[in-house]
C-alpha atoms as a PDB file:
ATOM      1  CA  MET A   1     -17.424  -8.354  14.167  1.00  0.00           C
ATOM      2  CA  ALA A   2     -18.150  -5.021  12.168  1.00  0.00           C
ATOM      3  CA  ASP A   3     -18.602  -5.264   8.550  1.00  0.00           C
ATOM      4  CA  THR A   4     -16.224  -3.210   6.182  1.00  0.00           C
ATOM      5  CA  VAL A   5     -16.232  -2.179   2.479  1.00  0.00           C
ATOM      6  CA  VAL A   6     -12.854  -2.824   0.536  1.00  0.00           C
ATOM      7  CA  HIS A   7     -12.661  -1.814  -3.195  1.00  0.00           C
ATOM      8  CA  ASP A   8     -11.199  -4.609  -4.925  1.00  0.00           C
ATOM      9  CA  GLU A   9      -9.994  -2.469  -7.683  1.00  0.00           C
ATOM     10  CA  SER A  10      -8.217  -4.918  -9.848  1.00  0.00           C
ATOM     11  CA  GLY A  11     -11.917  -6.923  -9.507  1.00  0.00           C
ATOM     12  CA  SER A  12     -13.732  -3.722 -10.389  1.00  0.00           C
ATOM     13  CA  ARG A  13     -15.794  -4.250  -7.477  1.00  0.00           C
ATOM     14  CA  PHE A  14     -16.053  -3.527  -3.397  1.00  0.00           C
ATOM     15  CA  VAL A  15     -16.183  -6.250  -1.360  1.00  0.00           C
ATOM     16  CA  LEU A  16     -18.876  -6.412   1.747  1.00  0.00           C
ATOM     17  CA  LYS A  17     -16.357  -8.300   4.384  1.00  0.00           C
ATOM     18  CA  ARG A  18     -17.160  -9.616   7.802  1.00  0.00           C
ATOM     19  CA  GLY A  19     -13.503 -10.422   9.375  1.00  0.00           C
ATOM     20  CA  ASP A  20     -11.596 -12.465   6.589  1.00  0.00           C
ATOM     21  CA  GLN A  21     -14.792 -13.412   4.954  1.00  0.00           C
ATOM     22  CA  GLU A  22     -16.750 -12.055   1.810  1.00  0.00           C
ATOM     23  CA  ILE A  23     -20.524 -11.796   2.369  1.00  0.00           C
ATOM     24  CA  GLY A  24     -21.714  -9.067  -0.391  1.00  0.00           C
ATOM     25  CA  GLU A  25     -19.801  -7.649  -3.709  1.00  0.00           C
ATOM     26  CA  THR A  26     -21.098  -4.572  -5.927  1.00  0.00           C
ATOM     27  CA  VAL A  27     -19.513  -5.066  -9.344  1.00  0.00           C
ATOM     28  CA  TYR A  28     -18.553  -2.237 -11.823  1.00  0.00           C
ATOM     29  CA  GLU A  29     -17.343  -1.763 -15.139  1.00  0.00           C
ATOM     30  CA  THR A  30     -15.486   1.641 -16.297  1.00  0.00           C
ATOM     31  CA  ARG A  31     -16.977   3.403 -18.929  1.00  0.00           C
ATOM     32  CA  GLU A  32     -14.538   4.900 -21.998  1.00  0.00           C
ATOM     33  CA  ASP A  33     -14.754   8.064 -20.764  1.00  0.00           C
ATOM     34  CA  GLY A  34     -13.640   7.002 -16.839  1.00  0.00           C
ATOM     35  CA  GLY A  35     -17.141   6.807 -15.687  1.00  0.00           C
ATOM     36  CA  ILE A  36     -18.126   4.071 -13.283  1.00  0.00           C
ATOM     37  CA  VAL A  37     -21.630   1.971 -13.728  1.00  0.00           C
ATOM     38  CA  PHE A  38     -22.278  -0.265 -11.337  1.00  0.00           C
ATOM     39  CA  VAL A  39     -23.996  -3.818 -13.381  1.00  0.00           C
ATOM     40  CA  HIS A  40     -24.398  -6.198 -10.202  1.00  0.00           C
ATOM     41  CA  THR A  41     -25.064  -6.320  -6.591  1.00  0.00           C
ATOM     42  CA  GLN A  42     -25.276  -9.414  -4.406  1.00  0.00           C
ATOM     43  CA  VAL A  43     -25.418 -10.563  -0.844  1.00  0.00           C
ATOM     44  CA  ASP A  44     -24.864 -13.893   0.460  1.00  0.00           C
ATOM     45  CA  GLN A  45     -28.473 -15.522   0.137  1.00  0.00           C
ATOM     46  CA  GLU A  46     -28.700 -16.638   3.292  1.00  0.00           C
ATOM     47  CA  LEU A  47     -27.605 -12.966   4.940  1.00  0.00           C
ATOM     48  CA  GLN A  48     -30.211 -11.386   2.741  1.00  0.00           C
ATOM     49  CA  GLU A  49     -32.946  -9.102   3.813  1.00  0.00           C
ATOM     50  CA  ARG A  50     -30.757  -7.383   6.812  1.00  0.00           C
ATOM     51  CA  GLY A  51     -29.605  -4.046   5.139  1.00  0.00           C
ATOM     52  CA  LEU A  52     -26.480  -5.414   4.289  1.00  0.00           C
ATOM     53  CA  GLY A  53     -26.839  -4.642   0.804  1.00  0.00           C
ATOM     54  CA  SER A  54     -27.363  -0.914   1.409  1.00  0.00           C
ATOM     55  CA  ILE A  55     -24.477  -1.128   3.970  1.00  0.00           C
ATOM     56  CA  LEU A  56     -22.310  -2.413   1.017  1.00  0.00           C
ATOM     57  CA  VAL A  57     -23.409   0.503  -1.904  1.00  0.00           C
ATOM     58  CA  LYS A  58     -23.439   3.021   0.960  1.00  0.00           C
ATOM     59  CA  GLY A  59     -19.730   2.550   1.699  1.00  0.00           C
ATOM     60  CA  ALA A  60     -18.935   2.146  -2.247  1.00  0.00           C
ATOM     61  CA  LEU A  61     -20.488   5.461  -2.865  1.00  0.00           C
ATOM     62  CA  ASP A  62     -18.830   7.244   0.192  1.00  0.00           C
ATOM     63  CA  GLN A  63     -15.282   5.866  -1.113  1.00  0.00           C
ATOM     64  CA  LEU A  64     -16.105   7.000  -4.661  1.00  0.00           C
ATOM     65  CA  ARG A  65     -17.133  10.227  -3.166  1.00  0.00           C
ATOM     66  CA  ASP A  66     -13.733  10.741  -1.259  1.00  0.00           C
ATOM     67  CA  ALA A  67     -11.387   9.503  -4.271  1.00  0.00           C
ATOM     68  CA  THR A  68     -12.609  10.778  -7.793  1.00  0.00           C
ATOM     69  CA  GLU A  69     -14.660  13.013  -9.742  1.00  0.00           C
ATOM     70  CA  VAL A  70     -16.006  10.507 -12.167  1.00  0.00           C
ATOM     71  CA  ARG A  71     -19.567  10.385 -12.762  1.00  0.00           C
ATOM     72  CA  ILE A  72     -21.462   7.098 -11.715  1.00  0.00           C
ATOM     73  CA  GLY A  73     -24.078   5.148 -13.208  1.00  0.00           C
ATOM     74  CA  ALA A  74     -26.112   2.250 -12.639  1.00  0.00           C
ATOM     75  CA  THR A  75     -27.612  -0.816 -14.258  1.00  0.00           C
ATOM     76  CA  CYS A  76     -27.857  -2.858 -11.166  1.00  0.00           C
ATOM     77  CA  PRO A  77     -31.415  -2.504 -10.165  1.00  0.00           C
ATOM     78  CA  PHE A  78     -30.363  -2.838  -6.661  1.00  0.00           C
ATOM     79  CA  VAL A  79     -28.080   0.498  -7.030  1.00  0.00           C
ATOM     80  CA  ARG A  80     -30.384   1.831  -9.481  1.00  0.00           C
ATOM     81  CA  ARG A  81     -33.115   1.920  -6.215  1.00  0.00           C
ATOM     82  CA  TYR A  82     -30.350   2.941  -3.876  1.00  0.00           C
ATOM     83  CA  PHE A  83     -29.735   6.356  -5.929  1.00  0.00           C
ATOM     84  CA  ASP A  84     -33.458   7.168  -5.952  1.00  0.00           C
ATOM     85  CA  GLU A  85     -33.949   6.278  -1.855  1.00  0.00           C
ATOM     86  CA  HIS A  86     -30.674   8.336  -1.216  1.00  0.00           C
ATOM     87  CA  PRO A  87     -30.889  11.712  -3.001  1.00  0.00           C
ATOM     88  CA  GLU A  88     -27.796  13.049  -1.136  1.00  0.00           C
ATOM     89  CA  TYR A  89     -25.806  10.884  -3.692  1.00  0.00           C
ATOM     90  CA  GLY A  90     -27.447  12.548  -6.743  1.00  0.00           C
ATOM     91  CA  ASP A  91     -24.204  14.977  -7.064  1.00  0.00           C
ATOM     92  CA  LEU A  92     -22.226  11.279  -7.980  1.00  0.00           C
ATOM     93  CA  THR A  93     -24.923  11.060 -10.916  1.00  0.00           C
ATOM     94  CA  SER A  94     -24.504  14.558 -12.297  1.00  0.00           C
ATOM     95  CA  ARG A  95     -20.611  15.136 -12.449  1.00  0.00           C
END
């Protein structure tokens, strides 16, 4: 069963789903200027260390790249590290 990343706009989060089960989330806040700041990322404890957090963040960033032109930042250490390790997403932080 494939994992999918779903944008839950009303919950200000992106959810990693496996079938109908939520196995992870990355939560964001919207700034006054319309930008987005990721504040927390979490994957079910028994599924950690399998690359699922990276799948989640990549899916979220890809969807935001396609859907918005706002500047994206992160106070979440996991997302900040993801930006550092994936310079191809640097354009999202400089919009």
